[in-house]
């Protein structure tokens, strides 16, 4: 078996070797991006199918693994975009409330919080969403938004202070 991933991709067997050697790592990469194994497996399979269909047109066959990584990341972005669009039209889950009064109060509180979040700057909303909804660490938020980790920390602090003031929780 050829273990040199810089060797040219000449035949479907070479693509098969790339698959055997790198599919698991690429699935793990996709899993981190999309959050579930079946979708990650589909993304990687589509990337390998794309490589197989374009293998004769590769200018630099030694770059096949790099092509696969890029293809996996691009397909993950597409999956996440489709999910985001679908999420805009999905009704939010409403857990059962113990009474109609409790549900009305919960909904009123939720509307207040969402209205307050809506009054924050775009950057503050993005950072709060990534931090508390996606549960990302500051380093990953910084990479995602292409800002420094200190900016993430300072903006999070200012956003939480502003949110508390908007909700009347701070004097």
Protein backbone atom coordinates (compact mmCIF):
# COMPACT_ATOMS: atom_id res chain seq x y z
CA UNK A 1 0.00 0.00 0.00
CA UNK A 2 1.32 3.44 -0.95
CA UNK A 3 1.51 5.64 2.16
CA UNK A 4 2.95 8.69 0.38
CA UNK A 5 0.02 11.11 0.07
CA UNK A 6 2.12 13.31 -2.20
CA UNK A 7 2.11 10.63 -4.91
CA UNK A 8 0.00 11.52 -7.95
CA UNK A 9 -3.58 10.35 -8.03
CA UNK A 10 -3.58 8.22 -11.17
CA UNK A 11 -6.34 5.67 -10.81
CA UNK A 12 -9.47 5.04 -8.77
CA UNK A 13 -7.32 2.70 -6.64
CA UNK A 14 -5.21 5.70 -5.63
CA UNK A 15 -8.36 7.53 -4.57
CA UNK A 16 -9.27 4.37 -2.67
CA UNK A 17 -5.95 4.47 -0.85
CA UNK A 18 -6.50 8.11 0.05
CA UNK A 19 -9.91 7.12 1.36
CA UNK A 20 -8.56 4.29 3.48
CA UNK A 21 -5.78 6.45 4.91
CA UNK A 22 -7.60 9.75 5.45
CA UNK A 23 -11.37 9.25 5.52
CA UNK A 24 -11.56 8.84 9.30
CA UNK A 25 -9.60 12.03 9.95
CA UNK A 26 -11.70 13.94 7.42
CA UNK A 27 -14.90 12.61 9.02
CA UNK A 28 -13.65 13.83 12.40
CA UNK A 29 -12.96 17.25 10.88
CA UNK A 30 -16.44 17.36 9.35
CA UNK A 31 -17.97 16.15 12.61
CA UNK A 32 -16.45 19.12 14.42
CA UNK A 33 -17.92 21.45 11.84
CA UNK A 34 -21.44 20.04 11.40
CA UNK A 35 -21.98 18.36 14.77
CA UNK A 36 -23.27 14.95 13.74
CA UNK A 37 -21.67 11.81 12.35
CA UNK A 38 -24.13 10.93 9.54
CA UNK A 39 -23.84 14.39 7.97
CA UNK A 40 -20.05 14.35 8.42
CA UNK A 41 -19.84 10.99 6.65
CA UNK A 42 -22.01 12.30 3.79
CA UNK A 43 -19.82 15.40 3.45
CA UNK A 44 -16.63 13.33 3.25
CA UNK A 45 -18.17 10.88 0.80
CA UNK A 46 -19.23 13.76 -1.46
CA UNK A 47 -15.71 15.21 -1.27
CA UNK A 48 -14.19 11.89 -2.34
CA UNK A 49 -16.73 11.55 -5.15
CA UNK A 50 -15.77 15.03 -6.31
CA UNK A 51 -12.07 14.09 -6.24
CA UNK A 52 -12.76 10.88 -8.14
CA UNK A 53 -14.69 12.69 -10.87
CA UNK A 54 -12.03 15.43 -11.19
CA UNK A 55 -8.90 13.34 -10.67
CA UNK A 56 -7.81 13.63 -14.32
CA UNK A 57 -8.20 17.41 -14.21
CA UNK A 58 -6.06 17.96 -11.12
CA UNK A 59 -3.18 20.23 -12.04
CA UNK A 60 -1.15 18.93 -9.12
CA UNK A 61 -2.24 15.39 -8.22
CA UNK A 62 0.05 15.53 -5.18
CA UNK A 63 -2.33 18.11 -3.72
CA UNK A 64 -5.25 15.66 -3.61
CA UNK A 65 -5.36 15.58 0.19
CA UNK A 66 -5.40 19.36 0.34
CA UNK A 67 -8.20 19.36 -2.23
CA UNK A 68 -10.14 16.91 -0.06
CA UNK A 69 -9.71 19.02 3.08
CA UNK A 70 -10.89 22.13 1.26
CA UNK A 71 -13.81 20.24 -0.27
CA UNK A 72 -14.84 18.90 3.15
CA UNK A 73 -14.73 22.36 4.72
CA UNK A 74 -16.65 23.92 1.82
CA UNK A 75 -19.33 21.24 1.99
CA UNK A 76 -19.57 21.72 5.77
CA UNK A 77 -20.14 25.44 5.22
CA UNK A 78 -22.91 24.60 2.75
CA UNK A 79 -24.56 22.26 5.26
CA UNK A 80 -24.39 24.93 7.97
CA UNK A 81 -25.85 27.57 5.60
CA UNK A 82 -28.74 25.26 4.71
CA UNK A 83 -29.36 24.60 8.40
CA UNK A 84 -29.33 28.32 9.16
CA UNK A 85 -31.87 29.04 6.42
CA UNK A 86 -34.09 26.17 7.56
CA UNK A 87 -33.76 27.36 11.17
CA UNK A 88 -35.20 30.74 10.28
CA UNK A 89 -38.45 29.12 9.25
CA UNK A 90 -38.67 26.51 11.99
CA UNK A 91 -40.93 27.13 14.94
CA UNK A 92 -38.94 27.25 18.18
CA UNK A 93 -39.47 24.42 20.61
CA UNK A 94 -41.85 25.40 23.38
CA UNK A 95 -41.43 23.15 26.40
CA UNK A 96 -44.65 22.37 28.23
CA UNK A 97 -45.39 24.86 30.97
CA UNK A 98 -46.98 23.87 34.23
CA UNK A 99 -49.78 26.37 33.71
CA UNK A 100 -51.00 28.92 31.19
CA UNK A 101 -49.89 31.68 33.56
CA UNK A 102 -46.35 30.24 33.83
CA UNK A 103 -46.14 29.97 30.08
CA UNK A 104 -47.28 33.57 29.61
CA UNK A 105 -44.69 34.80 32.10
CA UNK A 106 -41.93 32.72 30.46
CA UNK A 107 -42.87 34.04 27.02
CA UNK A 108 -42.93 37.62 28.31
CA UNK A 109 -39.47 37.17 29.87
CA UNK A 110 -38.15 35.61 26.66
CA UNK A 111 -39.47 38.54 24.61
CA UNK A 112 -37.82 41.00 27.00
CA UNK A 113 -34.47 39.23 26.73
CA UNK A 114 -34.67 38.96 22.94
CA UNK A 115 -35.64 42.63 22.66
CA UNK A 116 -32.70 43.59 24.88
CA UNK A 117 -30.32 41.44 22.84
CA UNK A 118 -31.68 43.09 19.71
CA UNK A 119 -30.60 46.47 21.08
CA UNK A 120 -26.96 45.35 21.42
CA UNK A 121 -24.48 45.97 18.62
CA UNK A 122 -24.10 43.35 15.89
CA UNK A 123 -20.66 42.37 17.19
CA UNK A 124 -21.98 41.99 20.75
CA UNK A 125 -24.89 39.83 19.56
CA UNK A 126 -22.53 37.63 17.52
CA UNK A 127 -20.13 37.13 20.40
CA UNK A 128 -22.89 36.36 22.91
CA UNK A 129 -24.47 33.88 20.50
CA UNK A 130 -21.17 32.12 19.83
CA UNK A 131 -20.23 32.10 23.50
CA UNK A 132 -23.50 31.14 25.19
CA UNK A 133 -25.58 29.52 22.47
CA UNK A 134 -22.82 27.66 20.60
CA UNK A 135 -20.74 27.29 23.79
CA UNK A 136 -17.51 28.18 21.99
CA UNK A 137 -14.37 29.18 23.91
CA UNK A 138 -12.99 32.70 23.44
CA UNK A 139 -10.11 31.47 21.25
CA UNK A 140 -12.47 29.85 18.77
CA UNK A 141 -14.76 32.89 18.73
CA UNK A 142 -11.74 35.07 17.99
CA UNK A 143 -10.73 32.84 15.07
CA UNK A 144 -14.29 32.70 13.76
CA UNK A 145 -14.76 36.47 13.82
CA UNK A 146 -11.11 37.21 12.91
CA UNK A 147 -10.58 39.39 15.98
CA UNK A 148 -8.26 39.14 18.97
CA UNK A 149 -9.11 37.08 22.03
CA UNK A 150 -8.91 40.25 24.14
CA UNK A 151 -11.54 41.88 21.95
CA UNK A 152 -13.79 38.85 22.48
CA UNK A 153 -13.32 39.04 26.25
CA UNK A 154 -13.88 42.79 26.46
CA UNK A 155 -16.87 42.74 24.13
CA UNK A 156 -18.46 39.87 26.06
CA UNK A 157 -18.06 41.77 29.31
CA UNK A 158 -19.50 44.99 27.86
CA UNK A 159 -22.36 43.10 26.21
CA UNK A 160 -23.33 41.35 29.44
CA UNK A 161 -23.20 44.64 31.35
CA UNK A 162 -25.33 46.36 28.73
CA UNK A 163 -27.77 43.44 28.69
CA UNK A 164 -28.12 43.55 32.48
CA UNK A 165 -28.79 47.29 32.34
CA UNK A 166 -31.34 46.90 29.55
CA UNK A 167 -33.13 44.24 31.59
CA UNK A 168 -33.05 46.40 34.71
CA UNK A 169 -30.94 43.97 36.67
CA UNK A 170 -28.18 46.46 37.45
CA UNK A 171 -28.42 49.87 39.02
